[in-house]
């Protein structure tokens, strides 16, 4: 049975025992192994959002919901991350810096995450995210640091040039994704 407060307490205890991603990954894997329990505790996703479950200087836990078709530009976290999907699917494209042009990137791999999947990302990983399905996707993202205070980069979707992550643009992206999703629900309802 997943309970949000107990999950956060378990994550904090795991992090206190081992500040790498390894112990956190095990806690998250146990949690998302029962997706229905996570959905009951967090609520059925209704719209795209990034909701804080816990935040400190050394650990951040978010409930992230991606709208259908939502795409997030390549970005970094500059801290380890563990992602666990409890509903839907999240496709990650992994990128690497181009040695002769360090502010540009090229695709280096991909991984589709489905319900119950958990993946750790190292602190130097650059990835983009796509929800390729026609329903909301829910995932818990855990970061080994203060996700909100870290200076992070993102890469332009057209040129793949690096620039500082724009938090306001990210907020608008969620709003626009919700507007498209709500319009599709109205159209489907007739």
N, C-alpha and C. Protein backbone atom coordinates (compact mmCIF):
# COMPACT_ATOMS: atom_id res chain seq x y z
N UNK A 1 0.83 -1.19 0.00
CA UNK A 1 0.00 0.00 0.00
C UNK A 1 0.88 1.25 0.00
N UNK A 2 0.71 2.08 -0.97
CA UNK A 2 1.48 3.32 -1.09
C UNK A 2 0.80 4.42 -0.30
N UNK A 3 1.55 5.05 0.59
CA UNK A 3 1.09 6.24 1.30
C UNK A 3 2.16 7.31 1.09
N UNK A 4 1.76 8.48 0.63
CA UNK A 4 2.71 9.52 0.25
C UNK A 4 3.66 9.88 1.39
N UNK A 5 3.12 10.10 2.60
CA UNK A 5 3.99 10.49 3.72
C UNK A 5 5.00 9.40 4.05
N UNK A 6 4.57 8.15 4.02
CA UNK A 6 5.49 7.05 4.31
C UNK A 6 6.53 6.90 3.20
N UNK A 7 6.10 7.09 1.95
CA UNK A 7 7.03 7.03 0.82
C UNK A 7 8.12 8.09 0.97
N UNK A 8 7.72 9.31 1.30
CA UNK A 8 8.70 10.39 1.49
C UNK A 8 9.63 10.04 2.65
N UNK A 9 9.09 9.54 3.73
CA UNK A 9 9.92 9.15 4.88
C UNK A 9 10.91 8.04 4.49
N UNK A 10 10.45 7.07 3.70
CA UNK A 10 11.32 5.99 3.25
C UNK A 10 12.43 6.52 2.34
N UNK A 11 12.09 7.46 1.47
CA UNK A 11 13.10 8.06 0.59
C UNK A 11 14.13 8.84 1.41
N UNK A 12 13.67 9.59 2.38
CA UNK A 12 14.59 10.37 3.21
C UNK A 12 15.52 9.45 4.00
N UNK A 13 14.97 8.36 4.53
CA UNK A 13 15.80 7.40 5.29
C UNK A 13 16.80 6.73 4.37
N UNK A 14 16.37 6.36 3.15
CA UNK A 14 17.27 5.72 2.19
C UNK A 14 18.40 6.68 1.82
N UNK A 15 18.06 7.93 1.60
CA UNK A 15 19.06 8.93 1.23
C UNK A 15 20.03 9.18 2.38
N UNK A 16 19.53 9.19 3.61
CA UNK A 16 20.39 9.37 4.78
C UNK A 16 21.39 8.22 4.91
N UNK A 17 20.97 7.02 4.54
CA UNK A 17 21.84 5.85 4.63
C UNK A 17 22.83 5.77 3.48
N UNK A 18 22.42 6.28 2.30
CA UNK A 18 23.26 6.20 1.10
C UNK A 18 22.88 7.35 0.18
N UNK A 19 23.73 8.36 0.07
CA UNK A 19 23.38 9.56 -0.69
C UNK A 19 23.51 9.40 -2.20
N UNK A 20 23.82 8.19 -2.66
CA UNK A 20 23.78 7.93 -4.10
C UNK A 20 22.33 7.58 -4.47
N UNK A 21 22.09 7.32 -5.72
CA UNK A 21 20.74 7.00 -6.18
C UNK A 21 20.32 5.56 -5.86
N UNK A 22 21.24 4.70 -5.45
CA UNK A 22 20.97 3.27 -5.36
C UNK A 22 19.85 2.92 -4.39
N UNK A 23 19.91 3.41 -3.17
CA UNK A 23 18.88 3.08 -2.18
C UNK A 23 17.54 3.71 -2.56
N UNK A 24 17.58 4.93 -3.08
CA UNK A 24 16.36 5.62 -3.53
C UNK A 24 15.70 4.82 -4.65
N UNK A 25 16.50 4.29 -5.56
CA UNK A 25 15.95 3.51 -6.67
C UNK A 25 15.14 2.33 -6.14
N UNK A 26 15.65 1.67 -5.12
CA UNK A 26 14.94 0.52 -4.55
C UNK A 26 13.61 0.93 -3.93
N UNK A 27 13.60 2.05 -3.22
CA UNK A 27 12.36 2.54 -2.62
C UNK A 27 11.34 2.87 -3.71
N UNK A 28 11.79 3.55 -4.76
CA UNK A 28 10.89 3.93 -5.85
C UNK A 28 10.40 2.71 -6.62
N UNK A 29 11.27 1.74 -6.84
CA UNK A 29 10.87 0.50 -7.55
C UNK A 29 9.78 -0.23 -6.78
N UNK A 30 9.92 -0.30 -5.46
CA UNK A 30 8.87 -0.94 -4.65
C UNK A 30 7.55 -0.17 -4.79
N UNK A 31 7.63 1.15 -4.77
CA UNK A 31 6.41 1.97 -4.85
C UNK A 31 5.68 1.78 -6.17
N UNK A 32 6.39 1.90 -7.29
CA UNK A 32 5.70 1.84 -8.59
C UNK A 32 5.40 0.41 -9.02
N UNK A 33 5.84 -0.58 -8.24
CA UNK A 33 5.48 -1.97 -8.56
C UNK A 33 4.00 -2.21 -8.36
N UNK A 34 3.33 -1.30 -7.66
CA UNK A 34 1.88 -1.35 -7.46
C UNK A 34 1.27 -0.04 -7.94
N UNK A 35 1.15 0.13 -9.27
CA UNK A 35 0.67 1.40 -9.81
C UNK A 35 -0.70 1.83 -9.29
N UNK A 36 -1.61 0.88 -9.10
CA UNK A 36 -2.95 1.23 -8.62
C UNK A 36 -2.89 1.88 -7.25
N UNK A 37 -1.99 1.41 -6.38
CA UNK A 37 -1.85 2.00 -5.05
C UNK A 37 -1.32 3.43 -5.13
N UNK A 38 -0.36 3.66 -6.04
CA UNK A 38 0.18 5.02 -6.23
C UNK A 38 -0.92 5.93 -6.74
N UNK A 39 -1.70 5.46 -7.70
CA UNK A 39 -2.81 6.26 -8.24
C UNK A 39 -3.83 6.60 -7.16
N UNK A 40 -4.15 5.66 -6.30
CA UNK A 40 -5.10 5.94 -5.22
C UNK A 40 -4.56 7.02 -4.29
N UNK A 41 -3.29 6.94 -3.96
CA UNK A 41 -2.70 7.90 -3.02
C UNK A 41 -2.50 9.28 -3.63
N UNK A 42 -1.99 9.32 -4.85
CA UNK A 42 -1.70 10.61 -5.49
C UNK A 42 -2.89 11.18 -6.24
N UNK A 43 -3.87 10.32 -6.52
CA UNK A 43 -5.03 10.74 -7.30
C UNK A 43 -4.81 10.48 -8.77
N UNK A 44 -5.88 10.12 -9.43
CA UNK A 44 -5.83 9.90 -10.88
C UNK A 44 -5.39 11.20 -11.55
N UNK A 45 -4.35 11.15 -12.40
CA UNK A 45 -3.91 12.39 -13.06
C UNK A 45 -5.05 13.01 -13.87
N UNK A 46 -5.21 14.32 -13.72
CA UNK A 46 -6.26 15.06 -14.43
C UNK A 46 -5.69 16.05 -15.44
N UNK A 47 -4.43 16.46 -15.20
CA UNK A 47 -3.81 17.45 -16.08
C UNK A 47 -2.29 17.38 -15.92
N UNK A 48 -1.58 17.93 -16.88
CA UNK A 48 -0.12 17.97 -16.81
C UNK A 48 0.30 18.88 -15.66
N UNK A 49 1.28 18.40 -14.88
CA UNK A 49 1.77 19.20 -13.76
C UNK A 49 3.08 18.61 -13.25
N UNK A 50 3.75 19.40 -12.46
CA UNK A 50 4.92 18.95 -11.73
C UNK A 50 4.67 19.39 -10.30
N UNK A 51 4.24 18.45 -9.46
CA UNK A 51 3.82 18.77 -8.09
C UNK A 51 4.86 18.27 -7.09
N UNK A 52 5.25 19.15 -6.19
CA UNK A 52 6.26 18.84 -5.18
C UNK A 52 5.65 17.94 -4.10
N UNK A 53 6.32 16.80 -3.86
CA UNK A 53 5.95 15.93 -2.75
C UNK A 53 6.88 16.15 -1.56
N UNK A 54 8.14 16.50 -1.85
CA UNK A 54 9.12 16.81 -0.83
C UNK A 54 10.23 17.64 -1.45
N UNK A 55 10.78 18.56 -0.64
CA UNK A 55 11.85 19.42 -1.14
C UNK A 55 12.76 19.82 0.01
N UNK A 56 14.07 19.63 -0.19
CA UNK A 56 15.09 20.11 0.74
C UNK A 56 16.31 20.50 -0.08
N UNK A 57 17.36 20.92 0.60
CA UNK A 57 18.60 21.26 -0.10
C UNK A 57 19.25 20.06 -0.75
N UNK A 58 18.96 18.86 -0.24
CA UNK A 58 19.66 17.67 -0.73
C UNK A 58 18.78 16.64 -1.43
N UNK A 59 17.45 16.83 -1.41
CA UNK A 59 16.54 15.84 -2.00
C UNK A 59 15.25 16.52 -2.43
N UNK A 60 14.81 16.21 -3.65
CA UNK A 60 13.54 16.72 -4.16
C UNK A 60 12.76 15.56 -4.74
N UNK A 61 11.48 15.48 -4.39
CA UNK A 61 10.60 14.43 -4.91
C UNK A 61 9.41 15.11 -5.57
N UNK A 62 9.19 14.81 -6.85
CA UNK A 62 8.10 15.42 -7.62
C UNK A 62 7.18 14.34 -8.17
N UNK A 63 5.90 14.68 -8.25
CA UNK A 63 4.95 13.89 -9.02
C UNK A 63 4.79 14.64 -10.34
N UNK A 64 5.25 14.03 -11.43
CA UNK A 64 5.23 14.67 -12.73
C UNK A 64 4.19 13.97 -13.60
N UNK A 65 3.30 14.78 -14.19
CA UNK A 65 2.28 14.25 -15.09
C UNK A 65 2.48 14.93 -16.44
N UNK A 66 2.63 14.09 -17.48
CA UNK A 66 2.82 14.58 -18.85
C UNK A 66 1.50 14.44 -19.60
N UNK A 67 1.11 15.48 -20.32
CA UNK A 67 -0.08 15.44 -21.17
C UNK A 67 0.20 14.60 -22.41
N UNK A 68 -0.84 14.08 -23.05
CA UNK A 68 -0.63 13.33 -24.30
C UNK A 68 0.12 14.19 -25.32
N UNK A 69 1.13 13.61 -25.93
CA UNK A 69 1.90 14.31 -26.95
C UNK A 69 2.87 15.36 -26.42
N UNK A 70 2.93 15.54 -25.13
CA UNK A 70 3.80 16.57 -24.55
C UNK A 70 5.26 16.21 -24.77
N UNK A 71 6.05 17.22 -25.15
CA UNK A 71 7.48 17.04 -25.38
C UNK A 71 8.25 18.09 -24.57
N UNK A 72 9.31 17.65 -23.93
CA UNK A 72 10.18 18.55 -23.17
C UNK A 72 11.54 18.55 -23.85
N UNK A 73 12.03 19.77 -24.16
CA UNK A 73 13.30 19.92 -24.85
C UNK A 73 14.42 19.22 -24.08
N UNK A 74 15.53 18.90 -24.76
CA UNK A 74 16.68 18.34 -24.05
C UNK A 74 17.09 19.27 -22.91
N UNK A 75 17.38 18.66 -21.77
CA UNK A 75 17.76 19.43 -20.58
C UNK A 75 18.62 18.56 -19.68
N UNK A 76 19.29 19.20 -18.75
CA UNK A 76 20.07 18.46 -17.76
C UNK A 76 19.49 18.73 -16.38
N UNK A 77 19.96 17.98 -15.39
CA UNK A 77 19.54 18.19 -14.01
C UNK A 77 20.71 18.61 -13.12
N UNK A 78 21.92 18.20 -13.51
CA UNK A 78 23.15 18.47 -12.76
C UNK A 78 23.12 17.85 -11.36
N UNK A 79 22.39 16.77 -11.25
CA UNK A 79 22.32 15.95 -10.04
C UNK A 79 21.74 14.62 -10.47
N UNK A 80 21.98 13.56 -9.70
CA UNK A 80 21.40 12.28 -10.09
C UNK A 80 19.87 12.37 -9.96
N UNK A 81 19.22 11.53 -10.76
CA UNK A 81 17.76 11.51 -10.81
C UNK A 81 17.32 10.06 -10.90
N UNK A 82 16.18 9.74 -10.31
CA UNK A 82 15.57 8.43 -10.48
C UNK A 82 14.13 8.68 -10.88
N UNK A 83 13.71 8.05 -11.99
CA UNK A 83 12.36 8.21 -12.52
C UNK A 83 11.64 6.88 -12.42
N UNK A 84 10.41 6.91 -11.90
CA UNK A 84 9.58 5.71 -11.82
C UNK A 84 8.19 6.01 -12.36
N UNK A 85 7.76 5.26 -13.37
CA UNK A 85 6.47 5.50 -14.00
C UNK A 85 5.40 4.65 -13.33
N UNK A 86 4.29 5.28 -12.97
CA UNK A 86 3.18 4.56 -12.36
C UNK A 86 1.93 4.56 -13.23
N UNK A 87 1.94 5.30 -14.33
CA UNK A 87 0.79 5.32 -15.23
C UNK A 87 1.25 5.83 -16.60
N UNK A 88 0.91 5.11 -17.65
CA UNK A 88 1.23 5.57 -18.99
C UNK A 88 2.64 5.20 -19.43
N UNK A 89 3.22 6.10 -20.23
CA UNK A 89 4.56 5.84 -20.80
C UNK A 89 5.30 7.16 -20.97
N UNK A 90 6.59 7.10 -20.71
CA UNK A 90 7.48 8.26 -20.86
C UNK A 90 8.66 7.82 -21.70
N UNK A 91 8.83 8.42 -22.87
CA UNK A 91 9.98 8.09 -23.72
C UNK A 91 11.08 9.12 -23.50
N UNK A 92 12.27 8.63 -23.22
CA UNK A 92 13.42 9.49 -23.00
C UNK A 92 14.40 9.33 -24.16
N UNK A 93 14.84 10.45 -24.69
CA UNK A 93 15.93 10.46 -25.66
C UNK A 93 17.14 11.00 -24.91
N UNK A 94 18.24 10.28 -24.97
CA UNK A 94 19.46 10.69 -24.29
C UNK A 94 20.38 11.37 -25.30
N UNK A 95 21.06 12.40 -24.84
CA UNK A 95 21.92 13.23 -25.68
C UNK A 95 23.31 13.30 -25.09
N UNK A 96 24.29 13.59 -25.93
CA UNK A 96 25.66 13.81 -25.45
C UNK A 96 26.20 15.08 -26.11
N UNK A 97 27.11 15.70 -25.39
CA UNK A 97 27.76 16.90 -25.94
C UNK A 97 28.64 16.49 -27.11
N UNK A 98 28.71 17.32 -28.12
CA UNK A 98 29.59 17.09 -29.27
C UNK A 98 30.97 17.61 -28.88
N UNK A 99 31.99 16.75 -28.89
CA UNK A 99 33.32 17.16 -28.40
C UNK A 99 33.88 18.43 -29.05
N UNK A 100 33.72 18.58 -30.34
CA UNK A 100 34.30 19.75 -31.02
C UNK A 100 33.39 20.98 -30.92
N UNK A 101 32.17 20.82 -30.38
CA UNK A 101 31.23 21.93 -30.20
C UNK A 101 30.49 21.72 -28.88
N UNK A 102 31.14 21.97 -27.75
CA UNK A 102 30.62 21.56 -26.44
C UNK A 102 29.28 22.18 -26.03
N UNK A 103 28.82 23.23 -26.70
CA UNK A 103 27.51 23.80 -26.38
C UNK A 103 26.39 23.20 -27.23
N UNK A 104 26.75 22.21 -28.05
CA UNK A 104 25.76 21.52 -28.88
C UNK A 104 25.74 20.05 -28.50
N UNK A 105 24.64 19.40 -28.84
CA UNK A 105 24.47 17.99 -28.48
C UNK A 105 24.04 17.19 -29.69
N UNK A 106 24.17 15.86 -29.54
CA UNK A 106 23.67 14.92 -30.54
C UNK A 106 23.00 13.76 -29.81
N UNK A 107 22.05 13.12 -30.48
CA UNK A 107 21.34 11.99 -29.87
C UNK A 107 22.32 10.86 -29.60
N UNK A 108 22.12 10.19 -28.46
CA UNK A 108 23.03 9.11 -28.07
C UNK A 108 22.31 7.83 -27.68
N UNK A 109 20.99 7.86 -27.61
CA UNK A 109 20.24 6.67 -27.22
C UNK A 109 18.84 7.03 -26.79
N UNK A 110 18.07 6.02 -26.44
CA UNK A 110 16.68 6.25 -26.03
C UNK A 110 16.22 5.11 -25.13
N UNK A 111 15.21 5.40 -24.33
CA UNK A 111 14.62 4.38 -23.48
C UNK A 111 13.17 4.73 -23.23
N UNK A 112 12.29 3.78 -23.50
CA UNK A 112 10.87 3.94 -23.21
C UNK A 112 10.61 3.40 -21.81
N UNK A 113 9.94 4.19 -20.99
CA UNK A 113 9.59 3.77 -19.64
C UNK A 113 8.08 3.57 -19.57
N UNK A 114 7.67 2.38 -19.18
CA UNK A 114 6.26 2.04 -19.05
C UNK A 114 5.93 1.89 -17.56
N UNK A 115 4.66 1.64 -17.26
CA UNK A 115 4.27 1.42 -15.88
C UNK A 115 5.20 0.41 -15.22
N UNK A 116 5.59 0.71 -14.00
CA UNK A 116 6.45 -0.10 -13.15
C UNK A 116 7.93 0.02 -13.47
N UNK A 117 8.30 0.74 -14.54
CA UNK A 117 9.71 0.90 -14.90
C UNK A 117 10.34 2.00 -14.05
N UNK A 118 11.60 1.76 -13.66
CA UNK A 118 12.37 2.73 -12.89
C UNK A 118 13.75 2.83 -13.53
N UNK A 119 14.23 4.06 -13.71
CA UNK A 119 15.55 4.25 -14.31
C UNK A 119 16.30 5.35 -13.56
N UNK A 120 17.58 5.10 -13.23
CA UNK A 120 18.40 6.18 -12.66
C UNK A 120 19.11 6.93 -13.79
N UNK A 121 19.30 8.22 -13.59
CA UNK A 121 20.06 9.05 -14.53
C UNK A 121 21.20 9.69 -13.74
N UNK A 122 22.41 9.62 -14.30
CA UNK A 122 23.56 10.24 -13.65
C UNK A 122 23.48 11.75 -13.71
N UNK A 123 24.32 12.41 -12.95
CA UNK A 123 24.27 13.87 -12.85
C UNK A 123 24.68 14.58 -14.14
N UNK A 124 25.33 13.87 -15.04
CA UNK A 124 25.74 14.50 -16.30
C UNK A 124 24.83 14.15 -17.47
N UNK A 125 23.74 13.45 -17.21
CA UNK A 125 22.83 13.02 -18.29
C UNK A 125 22.04 14.21 -18.82
N UNK A 126 21.91 14.24 -20.13
CA UNK A 126 21.04 15.19 -20.83
C UNK A 126 19.96 14.35 -21.48
N UNK A 127 18.69 14.73 -21.27
CA UNK A 127 17.62 13.95 -21.89
C UNK A 127 16.46 14.85 -22.27
N UNK A 128 15.65 14.37 -23.18
CA UNK A 128 14.37 15.00 -23.50
C UNK A 128 13.30 13.95 -23.23
N UNK A 129 12.07 14.41 -23.03
CA UNK A 129 10.98 13.53 -22.64
C UNK A 129 9.80 13.74 -23.57
N UNK A 130 9.16 12.64 -23.95
CA UNK A 130 7.97 12.67 -24.79
C UNK A 130 6.94 11.72 -24.18
N UNK A 131 5.70 12.17 -24.11
CA UNK A 131 4.60 11.27 -23.78
C UNK A 131 3.96 10.90 -25.12
N UNK A 132 4.24 9.71 -25.66
CA UNK A 132 3.78 9.37 -27.01
C UNK A 132 2.37 8.79 -27.07
N UNK A 133 1.71 8.65 -25.92
CA UNK A 133 0.40 8.00 -25.91
C UNK A 133 -0.72 9.03 -25.81
N UNK A 134 -1.95 8.57 -25.98
CA UNK A 134 -3.10 9.49 -26.02
C UNK A 134 -3.76 9.69 -24.65
N UNK A 135 -3.03 9.43 -23.58
CA UNK A 135 -3.55 9.70 -22.24
C UNK A 135 -2.42 10.24 -21.37
N UNK A 136 -2.79 10.74 -20.21
CA UNK A 136 -1.81 11.30 -19.29
C UNK A 136 -0.84 10.22 -18.80
N UNK A 137 0.39 10.61 -18.58
CA UNK A 137 1.40 9.73 -18.00
C UNK A 137 1.83 10.30 -16.66
N UNK A 138 1.88 9.43 -15.64
CA UNK A 138 2.30 9.86 -14.31
C UNK A 138 3.60 9.18 -13.91
N UNK A 139 4.50 9.94 -13.34
CA UNK A 139 5.80 9.40 -12.89
C UNK A 139 6.26 10.16 -11.66
N UNK A 140 6.99 9.46 -10.82
CA UNK A 140 7.64 10.10 -9.68
C UNK A 140 9.10 10.32 -10.08
N UNK A 141 9.56 11.55 -9.93
CA UNK A 141 10.94 11.92 -10.24
C UNK A 141 11.59 12.33 -8.92
N UNK A 142 12.72 11.70 -8.61
CA UNK A 142 13.45 12.00 -7.38
C UNK A 142 14.84 12.50 -7.76
N UNK A 143 15.22 13.63 -7.18
CA UNK A 143 16.48 14.29 -7.51
C UNK A 143 17.38 14.35 -6.28
N UNK A 144 18.65 14.07 -6.47
CA UNK A 144 19.64 14.11 -5.39
C UNK A 144 20.18 15.51 -5.17
N UNK A 145 19.31 16.44 -4.90
CA UNK A 145 19.68 17.83 -4.66
C UNK A 145 18.45 18.71 -4.67
N UNK A 146 18.69 20.02 -4.62
CA UNK A 146 17.61 21.01 -4.67
C UNK A 146 17.29 21.29 -6.13
N UNK A 147 16.30 20.61 -6.64
CA UNK A 147 15.90 20.71 -8.04
C UNK A 147 15.57 22.15 -8.43
N UNK A 148 15.01 22.92 -7.51
CA UNK A 148 14.53 24.26 -7.82
C UNK A 148 15.64 25.31 -7.77
N UNK A 149 16.72 25.04 -7.05
CA UNK A 149 17.80 26.02 -6.93
C UNK A 149 18.94 25.77 -7.92
N UNK A 150 19.01 24.57 -8.47
CA UNK A 150 20.12 24.24 -9.37
C UNK A 150 20.04 25.05 -10.66
N UNK A 151 21.18 25.58 -11.06
CA UNK A 151 21.25 26.23 -12.37
C UNK A 151 21.38 25.13 -13.40
N UNK A 152 20.45 25.10 -14.33
CA UNK A 152 20.39 24.01 -15.29
C UNK A 152 20.38 24.55 -16.70
N UNK A 153 20.66 23.66 -17.66
CA UNK A 153 20.65 24.03 -19.07
C UNK A 153 19.56 23.28 -19.80
N UNK A 154 19.14 23.87 -20.90
CA UNK A 154 18.30 23.18 -21.88
C UNK A 154 18.85 23.53 -23.25
N UNK A 155 18.44 22.75 -24.23
CA UNK A 155 18.96 22.93 -25.57
C UNK A 155 17.82 23.25 -26.50
N UNK A 156 18.06 24.20 -27.39
CA UNK A 156 17.06 24.63 -28.36
C UNK A 156 16.61 23.45 -29.20
N UNK A 157 15.32 23.30 -29.39
CA UNK A 157 14.80 22.14 -30.12
C UNK A 157 15.15 22.18 -31.61
N UNK A 158 15.41 23.34 -32.15
CA UNK A 158 15.75 23.43 -33.57
C UNK A 158 17.26 23.36 -33.81
N UNK A 159 18.04 24.13 -33.06
CA UNK A 159 19.48 24.22 -33.31
C UNK A 159 20.31 23.29 -32.43
N UNK A 160 19.72 22.81 -31.34
CA UNK A 160 20.40 22.00 -30.32
C UNK A 160 21.54 22.76 -29.64
N UNK A 161 21.42 24.11 -29.62
CA UNK A 161 22.38 24.95 -28.91
C UNK A 161 21.95 25.08 -27.45
N UNK A 162 22.93 25.09 -26.55
CA UNK A 162 22.69 25.18 -25.11
C UNK A 162 22.37 26.60 -24.68
N UNK A 163 21.44 26.72 -23.74
CA UNK A 163 21.17 27.97 -23.05
C UNK A 163 20.63 27.67 -21.65
N UNK A 164 20.57 28.66 -20.84
CA UNK A 164 20.08 28.49 -19.47
C UNK A 164 18.61 28.09 -19.50
N UNK A 165 18.23 27.14 -18.66
CA UNK A 165 16.84 26.69 -18.59
C UNK A 165 15.95 27.85 -18.18
N UNK A 166 14.87 28.03 -18.92
CA UNK A 166 13.92 29.11 -18.69
C UNK A 166 12.72 28.54 -17.94
N UNK A 167 12.64 28.81 -16.63
CA UNK A 167 11.57 28.26 -15.81
C UNK A 167 10.20 28.79 -16.21
N UNK A 168 10.14 30.03 -16.63
CA UNK A 168 8.85 30.60 -17.08
C UNK A 168 8.38 29.91 -18.36
N UNK A 169 9.30 29.66 -19.27
CA UNK A 169 8.94 28.95 -20.50
C UNK A 169 8.45 27.55 -20.17
N UNK A 170 9.08 26.90 -19.20
CA UNK A 170 8.68 25.55 -18.78
C UNK A 170 7.26 25.57 -18.20
N UNK A 171 6.94 26.59 -17.40
CA UNK A 171 5.59 26.72 -16.84
C UNK A 171 4.56 26.90 -17.96
N UNK A 172 4.89 27.75 -18.94
CA UNK A 172 3.99 27.96 -20.08
C UNK A 172 3.80 26.68 -20.89
N UNK A 173 4.86 25.88 -21.00
CA UNK A 173 4.77 24.62 -21.73
C UNK A 173 3.72 23.71 -21.09
N UNK A 174 3.69 23.63 -19.76
CA UNK A 174 2.68 22.83 -19.07
C UNK A 174 1.29 23.41 -19.32
N UNK A 175 1.14 24.73 -19.25
CA UNK A 175 -0.15 25.36 -19.50
C UNK A 175 -0.65 25.07 -20.92
N UNK A 176 0.24 25.20 -21.90
CA UNK A 176 -0.14 24.94 -23.29
C UNK A 176 -0.51 23.48 -23.49
N UNK A 177 0.22 22.58 -22.87
CA UNK A 177 -0.09 21.15 -22.97
C UNK A 177 -1.46 20.87 -22.37
N UNK A 178 -1.78 21.51 -21.24
CA UNK A 178 -3.09 21.33 -20.63
C UNK A 178 -4.20 21.88 -21.50
N UNK A 179 -3.96 23.03 -22.13
CA UNK A 179 -4.97 23.62 -23.02
C UNK A 179 -5.26 22.67 -24.19
N UNK A 180 -4.21 22.09 -24.79
CA UNK A 180 -4.42 21.15 -25.90
C UNK A 180 -5.16 19.89 -25.42
N UNK A 181 -4.77 19.40 -24.24
CA UNK A 181 -5.41 18.20 -23.70
C UNK A 181 -6.88 18.44 -23.40
N UNK A 182 -7.19 19.56 -22.75
CA UNK A 182 -8.59 19.88 -22.42
C UNK A 182 -9.41 20.09 -23.67
N UNK A 183 -8.83 20.70 -24.72
CA UNK A 183 -9.53 20.87 -25.99
C UNK A 183 -9.82 19.53 -26.63
N UNK A 184 -8.87 18.59 -26.54
CA UNK A 184 -9.09 17.26 -27.12
C UNK A 184 -10.18 16.52 -26.37
N UNK A 185 -10.27 16.70 -25.04
CA UNK A 185 -11.34 16.06 -24.27
C UNK A 185 -12.70 16.64 -24.64
N UNK A 186 -12.77 17.96 -24.83
CA UNK A 186 -14.04 18.59 -25.24
C UNK A 186 -14.46 18.10 -26.62
N UNK A 187 -13.48 18.01 -27.55
CA UNK A 187 -13.79 17.54 -28.90
C UNK A 187 -14.27 16.09 -28.89
N UNK A 188 -13.65 15.26 -28.05
CA UNK A 188 -14.05 13.85 -27.97
C UNK A 188 -15.43 13.69 -27.36
N UNK A 189 -15.79 14.61 -26.45
CA UNK A 189 -17.10 14.53 -25.80
C UNK A 189 -18.22 14.97 -26.73
N UNK A 190 -17.84 15.63 -27.83
CA UNK A 190 -18.81 16.00 -28.86
C UNK A 190 -19.32 17.35 -28.66
